[in-house]
Amino acid sequence: MSRNNMDRLGAQQPSAAPPVEEPSQGFSFSTPTEFVDLPSRGKYYPEGHPLRGKEQAEIRFMTAKDEDILSSKALLKNGMAIERFVKNILADPSINTDTLLVGDKNAILVASRITGYGELYEAKTVCPSCASTSDQEYDLTSLDVYHGDDWGEYDVRPNGDNFIVTVPQTKVEVEVQLLTSRDEQYLTKLTESKKKKKMPESNLTDQLKLIIVSVNGYDDGKSINTFVDGMPAKDSTYLRRAYEKLVPNIDLSVPFSCPSCGFEQEVSMPFTAAFFWPNR
């Protein structure tokens, strides 16, 4: 007979020691997590890196605390809001966010945006044909993952975690590396610094100097800078296009239809403030 039945029927209950009161533990709650497919599949990370050989990274769902980070005026001003946010949502605290490959970081950002605000993302998009601006809605779950493995049309060969690209005009063998979050931050700060000093923009050559590790085996800064500054445009274009094919990333190509002129084409999904601040 159960205890409830004994109480209801008035049956004699056996004597028992007085219950010991458990100390209150308070409310506990574990934030849900999910696994994000990494475009790099864990390749190109150095030995000993937490993501070496890992095809997925575990992240926590976005929380109210994360929204505080994304809306922090101080962090937004110094450009660290996104970096702090990524660090906060990674389940493995041993991962240094500075060392994340750019494509893997983008995949984590897209996945966290979905957990926080849903898969639909509304953004103003400029039509490539008539230059009018329209509100477009994008389904973030429809974005494809590109693993950086479709570079067969280019003269490329792997070299450890890097690649050797032989450019067509000068026949120089250019060793390139995949950029990390730290490299991306450096380029952003360099551009901002040049703007403040009213120096001419050099985004293209700045990026090339960062991705190039060596030229014909010479890995000193002077040799790399000399080559980049004097590289024929044909070689520069070839190198940049080959590099795009080497980078594992989220494919941000999305279908676009202009309501003003009817133009239809795939465009690159714009990243605006609405991506992480949809109510602003």
C-alpha atoms as a PDB file:
ATOM      1  CA  MET A   1       0.000   0.000   0.000  1.00  0.00           C
ATOM      2  CA  SER A   2       1.428   3.343  -0.965  1.00  0.00           C
ATOM      3  CA  ARG A   3       1.946   6.155   1.446  1.00  0.00           C
ATOM      4  CA  ASN A   4      -0.808   8.225  -0.169  1.00  0.00           C
ATOM      5  CA  ASN A   5      -3.291   5.365   0.148  1.00  0.00           C
ATOM      6  CA  MET A   6      -2.371   4.859   3.794  1.00  0.00           C
ATOM      7  CA  ASP A   7      -2.990   8.525   4.534  1.00  0.00           C
ATOM      8  CA  ARG A   8      -6.338   8.505   2.741  1.00  0.00           C
ATOM      9  CA  LEU A   9      -7.609   5.363   4.497  1.00  0.00           C
ATOM     10  CA  GLY A  10      -6.367   6.353   7.937  1.00  0.00           C
ATOM     11  CA  ALA A  11      -4.139   3.277   8.227  1.00  0.00           C
ATOM     12  CA  GLN A  12      -1.517   3.048  10.919  1.00  0.00           C
ATOM     13  CA  GLN A  13       1.804   4.227   9.568  1.00  0.00           C
ATOM     14  CA  PRO A  14       5.025   2.727  10.853  1.00  0.00           C
ATOM     15  CA  SER A  15       7.084   5.011  13.027  1.00  0.00           C
ATOM     16  CA  ALA A  16       9.993   6.624  11.234  1.00  0.00           C
ATOM     17  CA  ALA A  17      12.808   8.925  12.097  1.00  0.00           C
ATOM     18  CA  PRO A  18      12.002  12.580  11.566  1.00  0.00           C
ATOM     19  CA  PRO A  19      12.921  13.671   8.034  1.00  0.00           C
ATOM     20  CA  VAL A  20      16.238  15.421   7.594  1.00  0.00           C
ATOM     21  CA  GLU A  21      15.799  18.729   5.815  1.00  0.00           C
ATOM     22  CA  GLU A  22      18.021  19.034   2.773  1.00  0.00           C
ATOM     23  CA  PRO A  23      19.770  22.376   2.390  1.00  0.00           C
ATOM     24  CA  SER A  24      18.164  24.395  -0.371  1.00  0.00           C
ATOM     25  CA  GLN A  25      20.204  24.324  -3.565  1.00  0.00           C
ATOM     26  CA  GLY A  26      18.272  27.122  -5.243  1.00  0.00           C
ATOM     27  CA  PHE A  27      17.168  27.176  -8.858  1.00  0.00           C
ATOM     28  CA  SER A  28      19.593  25.624 -11.299  1.00  0.00           C
ATOM     29  CA  PHE A  29      19.484  25.829 -15.065  1.00  0.00           C
ATOM     30  CA  SER A  30      21.779  24.607 -17.810  1.00  0.00           C
ATOM     31  CA  THR A  31      21.867  26.549 -21.059  1.00  0.00           C
ATOM     32  CA  PRO A  32      21.214  24.257 -24.037  1.00  0.00           C
ATOM     33  CA  THR A  33      24.069  23.635 -26.447  1.00  0.00           C
ATOM     34  CA  GLU A  34      24.415  22.489 -30.027  1.00  0.00           C
ATOM     35  CA  PHE A  35      27.183  21.385 -32.347  1.00  0.00           C
ATOM     36  CA  VAL A  36      28.210  23.537 -35.304  1.00  0.00           C
ATOM     37  CA  ASP A  37      29.728  21.997 -38.425  1.00  0.00           C
ATOM     38  CA  LEU A  38      33.096  23.634 -39.049  1.00  0.00           C
ATOM     39  CA  PRO A  39      33.840  24.489 -42.693  1.00  0.00           C
ATOM     40  CA  SER A  40      37.516  23.613 -42.085  1.00  0.00           C
ATOM     41  CA  ARG A  41      36.627  20.185 -40.630  1.00  0.00           C
ATOM     42  CA  GLY A  42      39.429  20.819 -38.158  1.00  0.00           C
ATOM     43  CA  LYS A  43      42.132  20.970 -40.833  1.00  0.00           C
ATOM     44  CA  TYR A  44      44.759  23.731 -40.920  1.00  0.00           C
ATOM     45  CA  TYR A  45      44.863  24.144 -37.140  1.00  0.00           C
ATOM     46  CA  PRO A  46      48.309  23.507 -35.621  1.00  0.00           C
ATOM     47  CA  GLU A  47      49.105  20.437 -33.574  1.00  0.00           C
ATOM     48  CA  GLY A  48      47.790  20.804 -30.033  1.00  0.00           C
ATOM     49  CA  HIS A  49      44.967  23.165 -30.989  1.00  0.00           C
ATOM     50  CA  PRO A  50      41.613  22.133 -29.398  1.00  0.00           C
ATOM     51  CA  LEU A  51      39.960  22.073 -32.833  1.00  0.00           C
ATOM     52  CA  ARG A  52      42.680  20.135 -34.634  1.00  0.00           C
ATOM     53  CA  GLY A  53      40.910  17.311 -36.486  1.00  0.00           C
ATOM     54  CA  LYS A  54      37.495  18.300 -35.073  1.00  0.00           C
ATOM     55  CA  GLU A  55      34.630  18.585 -37.544  1.00  0.00           C
ATOM     56  CA  GLN A  56      32.324  20.333 -35.070  1.00  0.00           C
ATOM     57  CA  ALA A  57      32.463  22.864 -32.251  1.00  0.00           C
ATOM     58  CA  GLU A  58      29.997  22.945 -29.351  1.00  0.00           C
ATOM     59  CA  ILE A  59      28.329  26.278 -28.596  1.00  0.00           C
ATOM     60  CA  ARG A  60      25.817  27.442 -26.022  1.00  0.00           C
ATOM     61  CA  PHE A  61      22.536  28.985 -27.102  1.00  0.00           C
ATOM     62  CA  MET A  62      22.589  32.774 -26.989  1.00  0.00           C
ATOM     63  CA  THR A  63      21.517  34.160 -23.608  1.00  0.00           C
ATOM     64  CA  ALA A  64      20.483  37.496 -22.124  1.00  0.00           C
ATOM     65  CA  LYS A  65      24.060  37.858 -20.849  1.00  0.00           C
ATOM     66  CA  ASP A  66      25.299  37.492 -24.413  1.00  0.00           C
ATOM     67  CA  GLU A  67      22.918  40.254 -25.479  1.00  0.00           C
ATOM     68  CA  ASP A  68      24.550  42.447 -22.837  1.00  0.00           C
ATOM     69  CA  ILE A  69      27.907  41.795 -24.487  1.00  0.00           C
ATOM     70  CA  LEU A  70      26.573  42.611 -27.941  1.00  0.00           C
ATOM     71  CA  SER A  71      25.037  45.876 -26.714  1.00  0.00           C
ATOM     72  CA  SER A  72      27.976  47.023 -24.581  1.00  0.00           C
ATOM     73  CA  LYS A  73      28.943  50.518 -25.757  1.00  0.00           C
ATOM     74  CA  ALA A  74      32.505  50.054 -24.572  1.00  0.00           C
ATOM     75  CA  LEU A  75      32.945  46.757 -26.438  1.00  0.00           C
ATOM     76  CA  LEU A  76      31.252  48.113 -29.553  1.00  0.00           C
ATOM     77  CA  LYS A  77      33.489  51.176 -29.524  1.00  0.00           C
ATOM     78  CA  ASN A  78      36.726  49.190 -29.416  1.00  0.00           C
ATOM     79  CA  GLY A  79      35.427  46.580 -31.856  1.00  0.00           C
ATOM     80  CA  MET A  80      35.567  43.715 -29.354  1.00  0.00           C
ATOM     81  CA  ALA A  81      31.852  42.944 -28.927  1.00  0.00           C
ATOM     82  CA  ILE A  82      31.750  40.120 -31.480  1.00  0.00           C
ATOM     83  CA  GLU A  83      35.051  38.628 -30.280  1.00  0.00           C
ATOM     84  CA  ARG A  84      33.893  38.612 -26.640  1.00  0.00           C
ATOM     85  CA  PHE A  85      30.552  37.167 -27.708  1.00  0.00           C
ATOM     86  CA  VAL A  86      32.174  34.266 -29.587  1.00  0.00           C
ATOM     87  CA  LYS A  87      34.423  33.519 -26.623  1.00  0.00           C
ATOM     88  CA  ASN A  88      31.395  33.460 -24.323  1.00  0.00           C
ATOM     89  CA  ILE A  89      29.312  31.027 -26.381  1.00  0.00           C
ATOM     90  CA  LEU A  90      32.040  28.462 -27.031  1.00  0.00           C
ATOM     91  CA  ALA A  91      31.512  25.502 -24.702  1.00  0.00           C
ATOM     92  CA  ASP A  92      35.244  24.704 -24.627  1.00  0.00           C
ATOM     93  CA  PRO A  93      37.015  27.523 -22.718  1.00  0.00           C
ATOM     94  CA  SER A  94      40.412  26.307 -23.941  1.00  0.00           C
ATOM     95  CA  ILE A  95      39.685  27.584 -27.464  1.00  0.00           C
ATOM     96  CA  ASN A  96      41.392  30.915 -28.102  1.00  0.00           C
ATOM     97  CA  THR A  97      38.976  32.837 -30.317  1.00  0.00           C
ATOM     98  CA  ASP A  98      41.873  34.738 -31.913  1.00  0.00           C
ATOM     99  CA  THR A  99      43.066  31.480 -33.447  1.00  0.00           C
ATOM    100  CA  LEU A 100      39.747  30.547 -35.060  1.00  0.00           C
ATOM    101  CA  LEU A 101      39.888  30.343 -38.837  1.00  0.00           C
ATOM    102  CA  VAL A 102      37.711  33.085 -40.313  1.00  0.00           C
ATOM    103  CA  GLY A 103      35.327  30.622 -41.989  1.00  0.00           C
ATOM    104  CA  ASP A 104      34.839  28.620 -38.781  1.00  0.00           C
ATOM    105  CA  LYS A 105      34.159  31.799 -36.856  1.00  0.00           C
ATOM    106  CA  ASN A 106      31.542  32.821 -39.438  1.00  0.00           C
ATOM    107  CA  ALA A 107      29.834  29.434 -39.112  1.00  0.00           C
ATOM    108  CA  ILE A 108      29.701  29.844 -35.326  1.00  0.00           C
ATOM    109  CA  LEU A 109      28.241  33.348 -35.660  1.00  0.00           C
ATOM    110  CA  VAL A 110      25.510  32.202 -38.047  1.00  0.00           C
ATOM    111  CA  ALA A 111      24.594  29.251 -35.813  1.00  0.00           C
ATOM    112  CA  SER A 112      24.459  31.444 -32.706  1.00  0.00           C
ATOM    113  CA  ARG A 113      22.286  34.014 -34.523  1.00  0.00           C
ATOM    114  CA  ILE A 114      19.816  31.217 -35.282  1.00  0.00           C
ATOM    115  CA  THR A 115      19.681  30.083 -31.631  1.00  0.00           C
ATOM    116  CA  GLY A 116      19.172  33.670 -30.468  1.00  0.00           C
ATOM    117  CA  TYR A 117      16.756  35.203 -32.928  1.00  0.00           C
ATOM    118  CA  GLY A 118      15.671  32.449 -35.302  1.00  0.00           C
ATOM    119  CA  GLU A 119      16.620  31.438 -38.800  1.00  0.00           C
ATOM    120  CA  LEU A 120      15.043  34.394 -40.633  1.00  0.00           C
ATOM    121  CA  TYR A 121      17.203  37.477 -41.109  1.00  0.00           C
ATOM    122  CA  GLU A 122      15.849  40.695 -42.605  1.00  0.00           C
ATOM    123  CA  ALA A 123      18.344  43.098 -44.151  1.00  0.00           C
ATOM    124  CA  LYS A 124      18.302  46.035 -46.516  1.00  0.00           C
ATOM    125  CA  THR A 125      19.929  45.014 -49.787  1.00  0.00           C
ATOM    126  CA  VAL A 126      21.154  47.216 -52.627  1.00  0.00           C
ATOM    127  CA  CYS A 127      20.211  46.036 -56.113  1.00  0.00           C
ATOM    128  CA  PRO A 128      23.320  45.539 -58.307  1.00  0.00           C
ATOM    129  CA  SER A 129      21.325  46.704 -61.349  1.00  0.00           C
ATOM    130  CA  CYS A 130      19.317  49.788 -60.362  1.00  0.00           C
ATOM    131  CA  ALA A 131      20.976  50.577 -56.989  1.00  0.00           C
ATOM    132  CA  SER A 132      17.618  50.764 -55.211  1.00  0.00           C
ATOM    133  CA  THR A 133      17.414  49.453 -51.657  1.00  0.00           C
ATOM    134  CA  SER A 134      14.857  46.903 -50.583  1.00  0.00           C
ATOM    135  CA  ASP A 135      14.078  44.839 -47.512  1.00  0.00           C
ATOM    136  CA  GLN A 136      14.984  41.209 -48.119  1.00  0.00           C
ATOM    137  CA  GLU A 137      14.406  38.184 -45.886  1.00  0.00           C
ATOM    138  CA  TYR A 138      17.045  35.447 -45.793  1.00  0.00           C
ATOM    139  CA  ASP A 139      16.792  31.945 -44.352  1.00  0.00           C
ATOM    140  CA  LEU A 140      20.056  31.344 -42.493  1.00  0.00           C
ATOM    141  CA  THR A 141      19.485  27.596 -42.422  1.00  0.00           C
ATOM    142  CA  SER A 142      19.684  27.514 -46.240  1.00  0.00           C
ATOM    143  CA  LEU A 143      23.310  28.698 -46.331  1.00  0.00           C
ATOM    144  CA  ASP A 144      25.704  26.037 -47.582  1.00  0.00           C
ATOM    145  CA  VAL A 145      29.009  25.114 -45.991  1.00  0.00           C
ATOM    146  CA  TYR A 146      32.013  25.257 -48.342  1.00  0.00           C
ATOM    147  CA  HIS A 147      34.959  23.125 -47.268  1.00  0.00           C
ATOM    148  CA  GLY A 148      37.613  24.840 -49.406  1.00  0.00           C
ATOM    149  CA  ASP A 149      38.142  21.797 -51.583  1.00  0.00           C
ATOM    150  CA  ASP A 150      37.200  23.008 -55.074  1.00  0.00           C
ATOM    151  CA  TRP A 151      40.409  24.614 -56.353  1.00  0.00           C
ATOM    152  CA  GLY A 152      41.228  22.154 -59.124  1.00  0.00           C
ATOM    153  CA  GLU A 153      41.224  24.808 -61.869  1.00  0.00           C
ATOM    154  CA  TYR A 154      44.127  26.628 -60.201  1.00  0.00           C
ATOM    155  CA  ASP A 155      47.801  25.715 -59.972  1.00  0.00           C
ATOM    156  CA  VAL A 156      47.753  24.909 -56.259  1.00  0.00           C
ATOM    157  CA  ARG A 157      49.415  22.287 -54.116  1.00  0.00           C
ATOM    158  CA  PRO A 158      49.155  21.751 -50.355  1.00  0.00           C
ATOM    159  CA  ASN A 159      52.184  22.526 -48.226  1.00  0.00           C
ATOM    160  CA  GLY A 160      51.472  21.335 -44.673  1.00  0.00           C
ATOM    161  CA  ASP A 161      48.681  23.532 -43.375  1.00  0.00           C
ATOM    162  CA  ASN A 162      49.427  26.121 -46.093  1.00  0.00           C
ATOM    163  CA  PHE A 163      49.267  26.115 -49.895  1.00  0.00           C
ATOM    164  CA  ILE A 164      51.608  26.947 -52.765  1.00  0.00           C
ATOM    165  CA  VAL A 165      49.986  28.900 -55.603  1.00  0.00           C
ATOM    166  CA  THR A 166      52.011  29.334 -58.804  1.00  0.00           C
ATOM    167  CA  VAL A 167      50.860  32.571 -60.432  1.00  0.00           C
ATOM    168  CA  PRO A 168      50.646  32.480 -64.258  1.00  0.00           C
ATOM    169  CA  GLN A 169      52.577  35.517 -65.460  1.00  0.00           C
ATOM    170  CA  THR A 170      55.702  35.670 -63.317  1.00  0.00           C
ATOM    171  CA  LYS A 171      55.591  31.936 -62.433  1.00  0.00           C
ATOM    172  CA  VAL A 172      56.408  32.819 -58.826  1.00  0.00           C
ATOM    173  CA  GLU A 173      55.511  30.164 -56.254  1.00  0.00           C
ATOM    174  CA  VAL A 174      53.495  31.980 -53.611  1.00  0.00           C
ATOM    175  CA  GLU A 175      52.908  30.258 -50.279  1.00  0.00           C
ATOM    176  CA  VAL A 176      49.688  31.383 -48.611  1.00  0.00           C
ATOM    177  CA  GLN A 177      48.078  30.747 -45.237  1.00  0.00           C
ATOM    178  CA  LEU A 178      44.445  30.832 -44.126  1.00  0.00           C
ATOM    179  CA  LEU A 179      43.584  33.916 -42.102  1.00  0.00           C
ATOM    180  CA  THR A 180      42.438  33.717 -38.486  1.00  0.00           C
ATOM    181  CA  SER A 181      40.184  35.950 -36.424  1.00  0.00           C
ATOM    182  CA  ARG A 182      43.296  37.720 -35.119  1.00  0.00           C
ATOM    183  CA  ASP A 183      44.397  38.496 -38.700  1.00  0.00           C
ATOM    184  CA  GLU A 184      40.925  39.794 -39.511  1.00  0.00           C
ATOM    185  CA  GLN A 185      41.013  42.120 -36.501  1.00  0.00           C
ATOM    186  CA  TYR A 186      44.473  43.349 -37.517  1.00  0.00           C
ATOM    187  CA  LEU A 187      43.272  44.255 -41.020  1.00  0.00           C
ATOM    188  CA  THR A 188      40.261  46.110 -39.612  1.00  0.00           C
ATOM    189  CA  LYS A 189      42.390  48.123 -37.203  1.00  0.00           C
ATOM    190  CA  LEU A 190      44.954  48.859 -39.917  1.00  0.00           C
ATOM    191  CA  THR A 191      42.235  50.225 -42.205  1.00  0.00           C
ATOM    192  CA  GLU A 192      40.794  52.374 -39.402  1.00  0.00           C
ATOM    193  CA  SER A 193      44.254  53.679 -38.532  1.00  0.00           C
ATOM    194  CA  LYS A 194      44.937  54.719 -42.108  1.00  0.00           C
ATOM    195  CA  LYS A 195      41.588  56.488 -42.285  1.00  0.00           C
ATOM    196  CA  LYS A 196      42.318  58.478 -39.131  1.00  0.00           C
ATOM    197  CA  LYS A 197      45.714  59.465 -40.497  1.00  0.00           C
ATOM    198  CA  LYS A 198      44.126  60.313 -43.869  1.00  0.00           C
ATOM    199  CA  MET A 199      46.426  57.861 -45.589  1.00  0.00           C
ATOM    200  CA  PRO A 200      45.432  56.284 -48.938  1.00  0.00           C
ATOM    201  CA  GLU A 201      43.550  53.001 -48.685  1.00  0.00           C
ATOM    202  CA  SER A 202      45.474  49.835 -49.518  1.00  0.00           C
ATOM    203  CA  ASN A 203      43.081  47.087 -48.464  1.00  0.00           C
ATOM    204  CA  LEU A 204      44.012  44.791 -51.333  1.00  0.00           C
ATOM    205  CA  THR A 205      47.774  44.832 -50.837  1.00  0.00           C
ATOM    206  CA  ASP A 206      47.417  44.820 -47.042  1.00  0.00           C
ATOM    207  CA  GLN A 207      45.466  41.565 -47.217  1.00  0.00           C
ATOM    208  CA  LEU A 208      47.875  39.988 -49.702  1.00  0.00           C
ATOM    209  CA  LYS A 209      50.842  40.814 -47.483  1.00  0.00           C
ATOM    210  CA  LEU A 210      49.077  39.088 -44.616  1.00  0.00           C
ATOM    211  CA  ILE A 211      48.064  35.897 -46.409  1.00  0.00           C
ATOM    212  CA  ILE A 212      51.430  35.423 -48.153  1.00  0.00           C
ATOM    213  CA  VAL A 213      53.941  33.400 -46.143  1.00  0.00           C
ATOM    214  CA  SER A 214      56.743  33.247 -48.709  1.00  0.00           C
ATOM    215  CA  VAL A 215      57.594  33.929 -52.372  1.00  0.00           C
ATOM    216  CA  ASN A 216      59.849  31.414 -54.105  1.00  0.00           C
ATOM    217  CA  GLY A 217      60.919  30.287 -50.636  1.00  0.00           C
ATOM    218  CA  TYR A 218      61.795  33.760 -49.324  1.00  0.00           C
ATOM    219  CA  ASP A 219      59.777  34.372 -46.161  1.00  0.00           C
ATOM    220  CA  ASP A 220      61.154  37.744 -45.017  1.00  0.00           C
ATOM    221  CA  GLY A 221      58.875  40.773 -44.952  1.00  0.00           C
ATOM    222  CA  LYS A 222      60.955  42.772 -47.428  1.00  0.00           C
ATOM    223  CA  SER A 223      60.745  40.082 -50.127  1.00  0.00           C
ATOM    224  CA  ILE A 224      56.995  39.643 -49.638  1.00  0.00           C
ATOM    225  CA  ASN A 225      56.304  43.392 -49.687  1.00  0.00           C
ATOM    226  CA  THR A 226      58.434  43.898 -52.794  1.00  0.00           C
ATOM    227  CA  PHE A 227      56.608  41.126 -54.616  1.00  0.00           C
ATOM    228  CA  VAL A 228      53.114  42.329 -53.629  1.00  0.00           C
ATOM    229  CA  ASP A 229      53.790  45.950 -54.557  1.00  0.00           C
ATOM    230  CA  GLY A 230      55.211  44.973 -57.962  1.00  0.00           C
ATOM    231  CA  MET A 231      52.990  41.994 -58.776  1.00  0.00           C
ATOM    232  CA  PRO A 232      51.295  42.205 -62.205  1.00  0.00           C
ATOM    233  CA  ALA A 233      47.523  42.628 -61.989  1.00  0.00           C
ATOM    234  CA  LYS A 234      47.026  39.309 -63.785  1.00  0.00           C
ATOM    235  CA  ASP A 235      48.939  37.477 -61.056  1.00  0.00           C
ATOM    236  CA  SER A 236      47.171  39.427 -58.308  1.00  0.00           C
ATOM    237  CA  THR A 237      43.740  38.547 -59.677  1.00  0.00           C
ATOM    238  CA  TYR A 238      44.701  34.897 -60.108  1.00  0.00           C
ATOM    239  CA  LEU A 239      46.094  34.686 -56.577  1.00  0.00           C
ATOM    240  CA  ARG A 240      43.035  36.262 -54.996  1.00  0.00           C
ATOM    241  CA  ARG A 241      40.618  34.017 -56.883  1.00  0.00           C
ATOM    242  CA  ALA A 242      42.644  30.924 -56.042  1.00  0.00           C
ATOM    243  CA  TYR A 243      42.743  31.974 -52.381  1.00  0.00           C
ATOM    244  CA  GLU A 244      38.948  32.344 -52.279  1.00  0.00           C
ATOM    245  CA  LYS A 245      38.684  28.725 -53.403  1.00  0.00           C
ATOM    246  CA  LEU A 246      41.050  27.589 -50.636  1.00  0.00           C
ATOM    247  CA  VAL A 247      39.171  29.205 -47.751  1.00  0.00           C
ATOM    248  CA  PRO A 248      36.636  26.961 -45.942  1.00  0.00           C
ATOM    249  CA  ASN A 249      33.668  29.168 -45.154  1.00  0.00           C
ATOM    250  CA  ILE A 250      29.928  29.635 -45.053  1.00  0.00           C
ATOM    251  CA  ASP A 251      28.665  30.301 -48.571  1.00  0.00           C
ATOM    252  CA  LEU A 252      26.845  33.619 -48.258  1.00  0.00           C
ATOM    253  CA  SER A 253      25.494  33.537 -51.830  1.00  0.00           C
ATOM    254  CA  VAL A 254      21.721  34.031 -51.692  1.00  0.00           C
ATOM    255  CA  PRO A 255      19.022  34.514 -54.349  1.00  0.00           C
ATOM    256  CA  PHE A 256      17.961  38.141 -54.852  1.00  0.00           C
ATOM    257  CA  SER A 257      14.969  39.604 -56.666  1.00  0.00           C
ATOM    258  CA  CYS A 258      14.638  43.375 -56.933  1.00  0.00           C
ATOM    259  CA  PRO A 259      11.057  44.638 -56.430  1.00  0.00           C
ATOM    260  CA  SER A 260      11.888  47.863 -58.290  1.00  0.00           C
ATOM    261  CA  CYS A 261      13.417  46.666 -61.561  1.00  0.00           C
ATOM    262  CA  GLY A 262      12.822  42.914 -61.487  1.00  0.00           C
ATOM    263  CA  PHE A 263      16.541  42.100 -61.579  1.00  0.00           C
ATOM    264  CA  GLU A 264      17.298  38.573 -60.350  1.00  0.00           C
ATOM    265  CA  GLN A 265      20.686  37.197 -59.404  1.00  0.00           C
ATOM    266  CA  GLU A 266      22.593  35.581 -56.565  1.00  0.00           C
ATOM    267  CA  VAL A 267      24.196  38.190 -54.333  1.00  0.00           C
ATOM    268  CA  SER A 268      26.327  38.051 -51.233  1.00  0.00           C
ATOM    269  CA  MET A 269      24.112  38.288 -48.173  1.00  0.00           C
ATOM    270  CA  PRO A 270      24.757  41.639 -46.499  1.00  0.00           C
ATOM    271  CA  PHE A 271      25.913  41.680 -42.898  1.00  0.00           C
ATOM    272  CA  THR A 272      24.249  44.684 -41.273  1.00  0.00           C
ATOM    273  CA  ALA A 273      23.621  45.744 -37.683  1.00  0.00           C
ATOM    274  CA  ALA A 274      20.343  43.815 -37.881  1.00  0.00           C
ATOM    275  CA  PHE A 275      22.226  40.504 -37.890  1.00  0.00           C
ATOM    276  CA  PHE A 276      22.832  40.619 -34.138  1.00  0.00           C
ATOM    277  CA  TRP A 277      20.755  43.658 -33.308  1.00  0.00           C
ATOM    278  CA  PRO A 278      17.461  42.912 -35.100  1.00  0.00           C
ATOM    279  CA  ASN A 279      15.412  45.348 -33.014  1.00  0.00           C
ATOM    280  CA  ARG A 280      17.611  48.351 -33.601  1.00  0.00           C
END
